[in-house]
Amino acid sequence: VLLQINLRNYSDQKLTEKALGQLDTVFSAFSNSGKQIILRFLYD
């Protein structure tokens, strides 16, 4: 899968623990499903 993770809500601040928790949750779900991940972070 190609996962695109949009960071636009944090374009003026550091990522919060809640945001990083969501990121961990997404990676965990796709990894546990046996997916190999292509990853792209972006703002747009």
ModelCIF file with pLDDT and N, C-alpha, C, O atoms, coordinates in Angstrom:
data_MODEL
#
_entry.id   MODEL 
#
_entity.id                         1 
_entity.type                       polymer 
_entity.pdbx_number_of_molecules   1 
#
_entity_poly.entity_id                      1 
_entity_poly.type                           'polypeptide(L)' 
_entity_poly.nstd_linkage                   no 
_entity_poly.nstd_monomer                   no 
_entity_poly.pdbx_seq_one_letter_code       VLLQINLRNYSDQKLTEKALGQLDTVFSAFSNSGKQIILRFLYD 
_entity_poly.pdbx_seq_one_letter_code_can   VLLQINLRNYSDQKLTEKALGQLDTVFSAFSNSGKQIILRFLYD 
_entity_poly.pdbx_strand_id                 A 
#
loop_
_entity_poly_seq.entity_id 
_entity_poly_seq.num 
_entity_poly_seq.mon_id 
_entity_poly_seq.hetero 
1 1  VAL n 
1 2  LEU n 
1 3  LEU n 
1 4  GLN n 
1 5  ILE n 
1 6  ASN n 
1 7  LEU n 
1 8  ARG n 
1 9  ASN n 
1 10 TYR n 
1 11 SER n 
1 12 ASP n 
1 13 GLN n 
1 14 LYS n 
1 15 LEU n 
1 16 THR n 
1 17 GLU n 
1 18 LYS n 
1 19 ALA n 
1 20 LEU n 
1 21 GLY n 
1 22 GLN n 
1 23 LEU n 
1 24 ASP n 
1 25 THR n 
1 26 VAL n 
1 27 PHE n 
1 28 SER n 
1 29 ALA n 
1 30 PHE n 
1 31 SER n 
1 32 ASN n 
1 33 SER n 
1 34 GLY n 
1 35 LYS n 
1 36 GLN n 
1 37 ILE n 
1 38 ILE n 
1 39 LEU n 
1 40 ARG n 
1 41 PHE n 
1 42 LEU n 
1 43 TYR n 
1 44 ASP n 
#
_struct_asym.id          A 
_struct_asym.entity_id   1 
#
loop_
_ma_qa_metric.id 
_ma_qa_metric.mode 
_ma_qa_metric.name 
_ma_qa_metric.software_group_id 
_ma_qa_metric.type 
1 global pLDDT . pLDDT 
2 local  pLDDT . pLDDT 
#
_ma_qa_metric_global.metric_id      1 
_ma_qa_metric_global.metric_value   97.64 
_ma_qa_metric_global.model_id       1 
_ma_qa_metric_global.ordinal_id     1 
#
loop_
_ma_qa_metric_local.label_asym_id 
_ma_qa_metric_local.label_comp_id 
_ma_qa_metric_local.label_seq_id 
_ma_qa_metric_local.metric_id 
_ma_qa_metric_local.metric_value 
_ma_qa_metric_local.model_id 
_ma_qa_metric_local.ordinal_id 
A VAL 1  2 98.00 1 1  
A LEU 2  2 98.00 1 2  
A LEU 3  2 98.00 1 3  
A GLN 4  2 98.00 1 4  
A ILE 5  2 98.00 1 5  
A ASN 6  2 98.00 1 6  
A LEU 7  2 98.00 1 7  
A ARG 8  2 98.00 1 8  
A ASN 9  2 98.00 1 9  
A TYR 10 2 98.00 1 10 
A SER 11 2 98.00 1 11 
A ASP 12 2 98.00 1 12 
A GLN 13 2 98.00 1 13 
A LYS 14 2 98.00 1 14 
A LEU 15 2 98.00 1 15 
A THR 16 2 98.00 1 16 
A GLU 17 2 97.00 1 17 
A LYS 18 2 97.00 1 18 
A ALA 19 2 98.00 1 19 
A LEU 20 2 98.00 1 20 
A GLY 21 2 98.00 1 21 
A GLN 22 2 98.00 1 22 
A LEU 23 2 98.00 1 23 
A ASP 24 2 98.00 1 24 
A THR 25 2 98.00 1 25 
A VAL 26 2 98.00 1 26 
A PHE 27 2 98.00 1 27 
A SER 28 2 98.00 1 28 
A ALA 29 2 98.00 1 29 
A PHE 30 2 98.00 1 30 
A SER 31 2 96.00 1 31 
A ASN 32 2 96.00 1 32 
A SER 33 2 95.00 1 33 
A GLY 34 2 93.00 1 34 
A LYS 35 2 96.00 1 35 
A GLN 36 2 97.00 1 36 
A ILE 37 2 98.00 1 37 
A ILE 38 2 98.00 1 38 
A LEU 39 2 98.00 1 39 
A ARG 40 2 98.00 1 40 
A PHE 41 2 99.00 1 41 
A LEU 42 2 98.00 1 42 
A TYR 43 2 98.00 1 43 
A ASP 44 2 98.00 1 44 
#
loop_
_atom_site.group_PDB 
_atom_site.id 
_atom_site.type_symbol 
_atom_site.label_atom_id 
_atom_site.label_alt_id 
_atom_site.label_comp_id 
_atom_site.label_asym_id 
_atom_site.label_entity_id 
_atom_site.label_seq_id 
_atom_site.pdbx_PDB_ins_code 
_atom_site.Cartn_x 
_atom_site.Cartn_y 
_atom_site.Cartn_z 
_atom_site.occupancy 
_atom_site.B_iso_or_equiv 
_atom_site.pdbx_formal_charge 
_atom_site.auth_seq_id 
_atom_site.auth_comp_id 
_atom_site.auth_asym_id 
_atom_site.auth_atom_id 
_atom_site.pdbx_PDB_model_num 
ATOM 1   N N  . VAL A 1 1  ? 0.860  -1.183 0.000  1.00 98.00 ? 1  VAL A N  1 
ATOM 2   C CA . VAL A 1 1  ? 0.000  0.000  0.000  1.00 98.00 ? 1  VAL A CA 1 
ATOM 3   C C  . VAL A 1 1  ? 0.897  1.235  0.000  1.00 98.00 ? 1  VAL A C  1 
ATOM 4   O O  . VAL A 1 1  ? 2.030  1.205  0.480  1.00 98.00 ? 1  VAL A O  1 
ATOM 5   N N  . LEU A 1 2  ? 0.361  2.312  -0.549 1.00 98.00 ? 2  LEU A N  1 
ATOM 6   C CA . LEU A 1 2  ? 0.984  3.626  -0.401 1.00 98.00 ? 2  LEU A CA 1 
ATOM 7   C C  . LEU A 1 2  ? 0.158  4.399  0.618  1.00 98.00 ? 2  LEU A C  1 
ATOM 8   O O  . LEU A 1 2  ? -1.006 4.714  0.369  1.00 98.00 ? 2  LEU A O  1 
ATOM 9   N N  . LEU A 1 3  ? 0.758  4.703  1.762  1.00 98.00 ? 3  LEU A N  1 
ATOM 10  C CA . LEU A 1 3  ? 0.117  5.518  2.783  1.00 98.00 ? 3  LEU A CA 1 
ATOM 11  C C  . LEU A 1 3  ? 0.617  6.947  2.662  1.00 98.00 ? 3  LEU A C  1 
ATOM 12  O O  . LEU A 1 3  ? 1.817  7.204  2.756  1.00 98.00 ? 3  LEU A O  1 
ATOM 13  N N  . GLN A 1 4  ? -0.308 7.872  2.452  1.00 98.00 ? 4  GLN A N  1 
ATOM 14  C CA . GLN A 1 4  ? 0.032  9.285  2.454  1.00 98.00 ? 4  GLN A CA 1 
ATOM 15  C C  . GLN A 1 4  ? -0.521 9.892  3.742  1.00 98.00 ? 4  GLN A C  1 
ATOM 16  O O  . GLN A 1 4  ? -1.725 9.853  3.996  1.00 98.00 ? 4  GLN A O  1 
ATOM 17  N N  . ILE A 1 5  ? 0.373  10.448 4.544  1.00 98.00 ? 5  ILE A N  1 
ATOM 18  C CA . ILE A 1 5  ? -0.003 11.015 5.841  1.00 98.00 ? 5  ILE A CA 1 
ATOM 19  C C  . ILE A 1 5  ? 0.106  12.530 5.758  1.00 98.00 ? 5  ILE A C  1 
ATOM 20  O O  . ILE A 1 5  ? 1.197  13.075 5.587  1.00 98.00 ? 5  ILE A O  1 
ATOM 21  N N  . ASN A 1 6  ? -1.043 13.212 5.880  1.00 98.00 ? 6  ASN A N  1 
ATOM 22  C CA . ASN A 1 6  ? -1.107 14.663 5.737  1.00 98.00 ? 6  ASN A CA 1 
ATOM 23  C C  . ASN A 1 6  ? -0.892 15.341 7.093  1.00 98.00 ? 6  ASN A C  1 
ATOM 24  O O  . ASN A 1 6  ? -1.569 15.029 8.072  1.00 98.00 ? 6  ASN A O  1 
ATOM 25  N N  . LEU A 1 7  ? 0.064  16.276 7.128  1.00 98.00 ? 7  LEU A N  1 
ATOM 26  C CA . LEU A 1 7  ? 0.419  16.983 8.363  1.00 98.00 ? 7  LEU A CA 1 
ATOM 27  C C  . LEU A 1 7  ? -0.069 18.435 8.370  1.00 98.00 ? 7  LEU A C  1 
ATOM 28  O O  . LEU A 1 7  ? 0.421  19.243 9.160  1.00 98.00 ? 7  LEU A O  1 
ATOM 29  N N  . ARG A 1 8  ? -1.017 18.775 7.509  1.00 98.00 ? 8  ARG A N  1 
ATOM 30  C CA . ARG A 1 8  ? -1.385 20.177 7.347  1.00 98.00 ? 8  ARG A CA 1 
ATOM 31  C C  . ARG A 1 8  ? -1.929 20.798 8.624  1.00 98.00 ? 8  ARG A C  1 
ATOM 32  O O  . ARG A 1 8  ? -1.816 22.010 8.806  1.00 98.00 ? 8  ARG A O  1 
ATOM 33  N N  . ASN A 1 9  ? -2.521 19.999 9.521  1.00 98.00 ? 9  ASN A N  1 
ATOM 34  C CA . ASN A 1 9  ? -3.053 20.554 10.771 1.00 98.00 ? 9  ASN A CA 1 
ATOM 35  C C  . ASN A 1 9  ? -1.961 21.016 11.722 1.00 98.00 ? 9  ASN A C  1 
ATOM 36  O O  . ASN A 1 9  ? -2.243 21.640 12.745 1.00 98.00 ? 9  ASN A O  1 
ATOM 37  N N  . TYR A 1 10 ? -0.705 20.707 11.380 1.00 98.00 ? 10 TYR A N  1 
ATOM 38  C CA . TYR A 1 10 ? 0.413  21.035 12.269 1.00 98.00 ? 10 TYR A CA 1 
ATOM 39  C C  . TYR A 1 10 ? 1.480  21.852 11.536 1.00 98.00 ? 10 TYR A C  1 
ATOM 40  O O  . TYR A 1 10 ? 2.663  21.791 11.871 1.00 98.00 ? 10 TYR A O  1 
ATOM 41  N N  . SER A 1 11 ? 1.044  22.611 10.537 1.00 98.00 ? 11 SER A N  1 
ATOM 42  C CA . SER A 1 11 ? 1.997  23.397 9.754  1.00 98.00 ? 11 SER A CA 1 
ATOM 43  C C  . SER A 1 11 ? 2.572  24.571 10.540 1.00 98.00 ? 11 SER A C  1 
ATOM 44  O O  . SER A 1 11 ? 3.511  25.223 10.083 1.00 98.00 ? 11 SER A O  1 
ATOM 45  N N  . ASP A 1 12 ? 2.013  24.842 11.720 1.00 98.00 ? 12 ASP A N  1 
ATOM 46  C CA . ASP A 1 12 ? 2.537  25.947 12.535 1.00 98.00 ? 12 ASP A CA 1 
ATOM 47  C C  . ASP A 1 12 ? 2.948  25.497 13.933 1.00 98.00 ? 12 ASP A C  1 
ATOM 48  O O  . ASP A 1 12 ? 3.141  26.329 14.820 1.00 98.00 ? 12 ASP A O  1 
ATOM 49  N N  . GLN A 1 13 ? 3.082  24.181 14.136 1.00 98.00 ? 13 GLN A N  1 
ATOM 50  C CA . GLN A 1 13 ? 3.444  23.684 15.459 1.00 98.00 ? 13 GLN A CA 1 
ATOM 51  C C  . GLN A 1 13 ? 4.022  22.282 15.353 1.00 98.00 ? 13 GLN A C  1 
ATOM 52  O O  . GLN A 1 13 ? 3.935  21.632 14.312 1.00 98.00 ? 13 GLN A O  1 
ATOM 53  N N  . LYS A 1 14 ? 4.611  21.834 16.447 1.00 98.00 ? 14 LYS A N  1 
ATOM 54  C CA . LYS A 1 14 ? 5.083  20.455 16.517 1.00 98.00 ? 14 LYS A CA 1 
ATOM 55  C C  . LYS A 1 14 ? 3.893  19.499 16.526 1.00 98.00 ? 14 LYS A C  1 
ATOM 56  O O  . LYS A 1 14 ? 2.778  19.886 16.876 1.00 98.00 ? 14 LYS A O  1 
ATOM 57  N N  . LEU A 1 15 ? 4.138  18.262 16.142 1.00 98.00 ? 15 LEU A N  1 
ATOM 58  C CA . LEU A 1 15 ? 3.111  17.236 16.250 1.00 98.00 ? 15 LEU A CA 1 
ATOM 59  C C  . LEU A 1 15 ? 2.862  16.919 17.720 1.00 98.00 ? 15 LEU A C  1 
ATOM 60  O O  . LEU A 1 15 ? 3.798  16.832 18.515 1.00 98.00 ? 15 LEU A O  1 
ATOM 61  N N  . THR A 1 16 ? 1.606  16.750 18.065 1.00 98.00 ? 16 THR A N  1 
ATOM 62  C CA . THR A 1 16 ? 1.240  16.449 19.442 1.00 98.00 ? 16 THR A CA 1 
ATOM 63  C C  . THR A 1 16 ? 1.275  14.947 19.702 1.00 98.00 ? 16 THR A C  1 
ATOM 64  O O  . THR A 1 16 ? 1.407  14.146 18.777 1.00 98.00 ? 16 THR A O  1 
ATOM 65  N N  . GLU A 1 17 ? 1.154  14.582 20.973 1.00 97.00 ? 17 GLU A N  1 
ATOM 66  C CA . GLU A 1 17 ? 1.109  13.162 21.327 1.00 97.00 ? 17 GLU A CA 1 
ATOM 67  C C  . GLU A 1 17 ? -0.120 12.493 20.715 1.00 97.00 ? 17 GLU A C  1 
ATOM 68  O O  . GLU A 1 17 ? -0.053 11.327 20.325 1.00 97.00 ? 17 GLU A O  1 
ATOM 69  N N  . LYS A 1 18 ? -1.232 13.205 20.623 1.00 97.00 ? 18 LYS A N  1 
ATOM 70  C CA . LYS A 1 18 ? -2.433 12.624 20.012 1.00 97.00 ? 18 LYS A CA 1 
ATOM 71  C C  . LYS A 1 18 ? -2.185 12.337 18.524 1.00 97.00 ? 18 LYS A C  1 
ATOM 72  O O  . LYS A 1 18 ? -2.585 11.288 18.020 1.00 97.00 ? 18 LYS A O  1 
ATOM 73  N N  . ALA A 1 19 ? -1.527 13.269 17.823 1.00 98.00 ? 19 ALA A N  1 
ATOM 74  C CA . ALA A 1 19 ? -1.236 13.055 16.404 1.00 98.00 ? 19 ALA A CA 1 
ATOM 75  C C  . ALA A 1 19 ? -0.295 11.871 16.224 1.00 98.00 ? 19 ALA A C  1 
ATOM 76  O O  . ALA A 1 19 ? -0.509 11.046 15.336 1.00 98.00 ? 19 ALA A O  1 
ATOM 77  N N  . LEU A 1 20 ? 0.733  11.777 17.043 1.00 98.00 ? 20 LEU A N  1 
ATOM 78  C CA . LEU A 1 20 ? 1.684  10.672 16.942 1.00 98.00 ? 20 LEU A CA 1 
ATOM 79  C C  . LEU A 1 20 ? 1.030  9.349  17.333 1.00 98.00 ? 20 LEU A C  1 
ATOM 80  O O  . LEU A 1 20 ? 1.397  8.293  16.818 1.00 98.00 ? 20 LEU A O  1 
ATOM 81  N N  . GLY A 1 21 ? 0.053  9.412  18.254 1.00 98.00 ? 21 GLY A N  1 
ATOM 82  C CA . GLY A 1 21 ? -0.707 8.212  18.609 1.00 98.00 ? 21 GLY A CA 1 
ATOM 83  C C  . GLY A 1 21 ? -1.532 7.711  17.440 1.00 98.00 ? 21 GLY A C  1 
ATOM 84  O O  . GLY A 1 21 ? -1.611 6.506  17.201 1.00 98.00 ? 21 GLY A O  1 
ATOM 85  N N  . GLN A 1 22 ? -2.155 8.643  16.701 1.00 98.00 ? 22 GLN A N  1 
ATOM 86  C CA . GLN A 1 22 ? -2.882 8.244  15.499 1.00 98.00 ? 22 GLN A CA 1 
ATOM 87  C C  . GLN A 1 22 ? -1.948 7.596  14.482 1.00 98.00 ? 22 GLN A C  1 
ATOM 88  O O  . GLN A 1 22 ? -2.291 6.581  13.875 1.00 98.00 ? 22 GLN A O  1 
ATOM 89  N N  . LEU A 1 23 ? -0.784 8.176  14.302 1.00 98.00 ? 23 LEU A N  1 
ATOM 90  C CA . LEU A 1 23 ? 0.180  7.646  13.347 1.00 98.00 ? 23 LEU A CA 1 
ATOM 91  C C  . LEU A 1 23 ? 0.572  6.218  13.726 1.00 98.00 ? 23 LEU A C  1 
ATOM 92  O O  . LEU A 1 23 ? 0.621  5.337  12.867 1.00 98.00 ? 23 LEU A O  1 
ATOM 93  N N  . ASP A 1 24 ? 0.847  5.993  14.997 1.00 98.00 ? 24 ASP A N  1 
ATOM 94  C CA . ASP A 1 24 ? 1.192  4.653  15.468 1.00 98.00 ? 24 ASP A CA 1 
ATOM 95  C C  . ASP A 1 24 ? 0.047  3.676  15.230 1.00 98.00 ? 24 ASP A C  1 
ATOM 96  O O  . ASP A 1 24 ? 0.276  2.528  14.849 1.00 98.00 ? 24 ASP A O  1 
ATOM 97  N N  . THR A 1 25 ? -1.175 4.125  15.450 1.00 98.00 ? 25 THR A N  1 
ATOM 98  C CA . THR A 1 25 ? -2.346 3.275  15.249 1.00 98.00 ? 25 THR A CA 1 
ATOM 99  C C  . THR A 1 25 ? -2.471 2.851  13.789 1.00 98.00 ? 25 THR A C  1 
ATOM 100 O O  . THR A 1 25 ? -2.746 1.687  13.498 1.00 98.00 ? 25 THR A O  1 
ATOM 101 N N  . VAL A 1 26 ? -2.270 3.791  12.878 1.00 98.00 ? 26 VAL A N  1 
ATOM 102 C CA . VAL A 1 26 ? -2.354 3.489  11.441 1.00 98.00 ? 26 VAL A CA 1 
ATOM 103 C C  . VAL A 1 26 ? -1.279 2.482  11.041 1.00 98.00 ? 26 VAL A C  1 
ATOM 104 O O  . VAL A 1 26 ? -1.573 1.494  10.368 1.00 98.00 ? 26 VAL A O  1 
ATOM 105 N N  . PHE A 1 27 ? -0.050 2.724  11.446 1.00 98.00 ? 27 PHE A N  1 
ATOM 106 C CA . PHE A 1 27 ? 1.033  1.801  11.099 1.00 98.00 ? 27 PHE A CA 1 
ATOM 107 C C  . PHE A 1 27 ? 0.790  0.411  11.684 1.00 98.00 ? 27 PHE A C  1 
ATOM 108 O O  . PHE A 1 27 ? 1.039  -0.602 11.030 1.00 98.00 ? 27 PHE A O  1 
ATOM 109 N N  . SER A 1 28 ? 0.306  0.379  12.910 1.00 98.00 ? 28 SER A N  1 
ATOM 110 C CA . SER A 1 28 ? 0.056  -0.904 13.558 1.00 98.00 ? 28 SER A CA 1 
ATOM 111 C C  . SER A 1 28 ? -1.003 -1.708 12.807 1.00 98.00 ? 28 SER A C  1 
ATOM 112 O O  . SER A 1 28 ? -0.839 -2.908 12.592 1.00 98.00 ? 28 SER A O  1 
ATOM 113 N N  . ALA A 1 29 ? -2.087 -1.046 12.411 1.00 98.00 ? 29 ALA A N  1 
ATOM 114 C CA . ALA A 1 29 ? -3.169 -1.743 11.708 1.00 98.00 ? 29 ALA A CA 1 
ATOM 115 C C  . ALA A 1 29 ? -2.704 -2.295 10.377 1.00 98.00 ? 29 ALA A C  1 
ATOM 116 O O  . ALA A 1 29 ? -3.008 -3.441 10.046 1.00 98.00 ? 29 ALA A O  1 
ATOM 117 N N  . PHE A 1 30 ? -1.971 -1.506 9.604  1.00 98.00 ? 30 PHE A N  1 
ATOM 118 C CA . PHE A 1 30 ? -1.530 -1.968 8.292  1.00 98.00 ? 30 PHE A CA 1 
ATOM 119 C C  . PHE A 1 30 ? -0.443 -3.032 8.414  1.00 98.00 ? 30 PHE A C  1 
ATOM 120 O O  . PHE A 1 30 ? -0.391 -3.960 7.607  1.00 98.00 ? 30 PHE A O  1 
ATOM 121 N N  . SER A 1 31 ? 0.417  -2.905 9.408  1.00 96.00 ? 31 SER A N  1 
ATOM 122 C CA . SER A 1 31 ? 1.450  -3.921 9.614  1.00 96.00 ? 31 SER A CA 1 
ATOM 123 C C  . SER A 1 31 ? 0.830  -5.243 10.037 1.00 96.00 ? 31 SER A C  1 
ATOM 124 O O  . SER A 1 31 ? 1.210  -6.300 9.534  1.00 96.00 ? 31 SER A O  1 
ATOM 125 N N  . ASN A 1 32 ? -0.121 -5.187 10.960 1.00 96.00 ? 32 ASN A N  1 
ATOM 126 C CA . ASN A 1 32 ? -0.771 -6.406 11.439 1.00 96.00 ? 32 ASN A CA 1 
ATOM 127 C C  . ASN A 1 32 ? -1.589 -7.091 10.356 1.00 96.00 ? 32 ASN A C  1 
ATOM 128 O O  . ASN A 1 32 ? -1.898 -8.277 10.468 1.00 96.00 ? 32 ASN A O  1 
ATOM 129 N N  . SER A 1 33 ? -1.940 -6.355 9.308  1.00 95.00 ? 33 SER A N  1 
ATOM 130 C CA . SER A 1 33 ? -2.658 -6.941 8.170  1.00 95.00 ? 33 SER A CA 1 
ATOM 131 C C  . SER A 1 33 ? -1.705 -7.522 7.137  1.00 95.00 ? 33 SER A C  1 
ATOM 132 O O  . SER A 1 33 ? -2.135 -7.984 6.080  1.00 95.00 ? 33 SER A O  1 
ATOM 133 N N  . GLY A 1 34 ? -0.416 -7.501 7.440  1.00 93.00 ? 34 GLY A N  1 
ATOM 134 C CA . GLY A 1 34 ? 0.567  -8.086 6.525  1.00 93.00 ? 34 GLY A CA 1 
ATOM 135 C C  . GLY A 1 34 ? 0.925  -7.216 5.349  1.00 93.00 ? 34 GLY A C  1 
ATOM 136 O O  . GLY A 1 34 ? 1.511  -7.697 4.379  1.00 93.00 ? 34 GLY A O  1 
ATOM 137 N N  . LYS A 1 35 ? 0.582  -5.929 5.415  1.00 96.00 ? 35 LYS A N  1 
ATOM 138 C CA . LYS A 1 35 ? 0.894  -5.039 4.296  1.00 96.00 ? 35 LYS A CA 1 
ATOM 139 C C  . LYS A 1 35 ? 2.342  -4.559 4.374  1.00 96.00 ? 35 LYS A C  1 
ATOM 140 O O  . LYS A 1 35 ? 2.887  -4.342 5.456  1.00 96.00 ? 35 LYS A O  1 
ATOM 141 N N  . GLN A 1 36 ? 2.947  -4.401 3.198  1.00 97.00 ? 36 GLN A N  1 
ATOM 142 C CA . GLN A 1 36 ? 4.231  -3.706 3.128  1.00 97.00 ? 36 GLN A CA 1 
ATOM 143 C C  . GLN A 1 36 ? 3.932  -2.272 2.708  1.00 97.00 ? 36 GLN A C  1 
ATOM 144 O O  . GLN A 1 36 ? 3.187  -2.034 1.757  1.00 97.00 ? 36 GLN A O  1 
ATOM 145 N N  . ILE A 1 37 ? 4.517  -1.331 3.419  1.00 98.00 ? 37 ILE A N  1 
ATOM 146 C CA . ILE A 1 37 ? 4.081  0.056  3.325  1.00 98.00 ? 37 ILE A CA 1 
ATOM 147 C C  . ILE A 1 37 ? 5.089  0.905  2.564  1.00 98.00 ? 37 ILE A C  1 
ATOM 148 O O  . ILE A 1 37 ? 6.283  0.905  2.866  1.00 98.00 ? 37 ILE A O  1 
ATOM 149 N N  . ILE A 1 38 ? 4.578  1.632  1.563  1.00 98.00 ? 38 ILE A N  1 
ATOM 150 C CA . ILE A 1 38 ? 5.294  2.750  0.955  1.00 98.00 ? 38 ILE A CA 1 
ATOM 151 C C  . ILE A 1 38 ? 4.699  3.992  1.608  1.00 98.00 ? 38 ILE A C  1 
ATOM 152 O O  . ILE A 1 38 ? 3.478  4.139  1.659  1.00 98.00 ? 38 ILE A O  1 
ATOM 153 N N  . LEU A 1 39 ? 5.543  4.879  2.104  1.00 98.00 ? 39 LEU A N  1 
ATOM 154 C CA . LEU A 1 39 ? 5.073  5.954  2.977  1.00 98.00 ? 39 LEU A CA 1 
ATOM 155 C C  . LEU A 1 39 ? 5.457  7.315  2.423  1.00 98.00 ? 39 LEU A C  1 
ATOM 156 O O  . LEU A 1 39 ? 6.585  7.530  1.979  1.00 98.00 ? 39 LEU A O  1 
ATOM 157 N N  . ARG A 1 40 ? 4.489  8.232  2.459  1.00 98.00 ? 40 ARG A N  1 
ATOM 158 C CA . ARG A 1 40 ? 4.769  9.607  2.047  1.00 98.00 ? 40 ARG A CA 1 
ATOM 159 C C  . ARG A 1 40 ? 4.100  10.574 3.022  1.00 98.00 ? 40 ARG A C  1 
ATOM 160 O O  . ARG A 1 40 ? 2.884  10.539 3.207  1.00 98.00 ? 40 ARG A O  1 
ATOM 161 N N  . PHE A 1 41 ? 4.899  11.429 3.639  1.00 99.00 ? 41 PHE A N  1 
ATOM 162 C CA . PHE A 1 41 ? 4.358  12.528 4.449  1.00 99.00 ? 41 PHE A CA 1 
ATOM 163 C C  . PHE A 1 41 ? 4.260  13.765 3.565  1.00 99.00 ? 41 PHE A C  1 
ATOM 164 O O  . PHE A 1 41 ? 5.107  13.985 2.699  1.00 99.00 ? 41 PHE A O  1 
ATOM 165 N N  . LEU A 1 42 ? 3.219  14.575 3.787  1.00 98.00 ? 42 LEU A N  1 
ATOM 166 C CA . LEU A 1 42 ? 2.990  15.773 2.971  1.00 98.00 ? 42 LEU A CA 1 
ATOM 167 C C  . LEU A 1 42 ? 2.113  16.751 3.729  1.00 98.00 ? 42 LEU A C  1 
ATOM 168 O O  . LEU A 1 42 ? 1.594  16.443 4.802  1.00 98.00 ? 42 LEU A O  1 
ATOM 169 N N  . TYR A 1 43 ? 1.959  17.915 3.161  1.00 98.00 ? 43 TYR A N  1 
ATOM 170 C CA . TYR A 1 43 ? 1.076  18.940 3.738  1.00 98.00 ? 43 TYR A CA 1 
ATOM 171 C C  . TYR A 1 43 ? -0.054 19.329 2.787  1.00 98.00 ? 43 TYR A C  1 
ATOM 172 O O  . TYR A 1 43 ? -0.918 20.129 3.148  1.00 98.00 ? 43 TYR A O  1 
ATOM 173 N N  . ASP A 1 44 ? -0.056 18.771 1.578  1.00 98.00 ? 44 ASP A N  1 
ATOM 174 C CA . ASP A 1 44 ? -0.967 19.270 0.545  1.00 98.00 ? 44 ASP A CA 1 
ATOM 175 C C  . ASP A 1 44 ? -1.518 18.137 -0.304 1.00 98.00 ? 44 ASP A C  1 
ATOM 176 O O  . ASP A 1 44 ? -2.302 18.378 -1.223 1.00 98.00 ? 44 ASP A O  1 
#
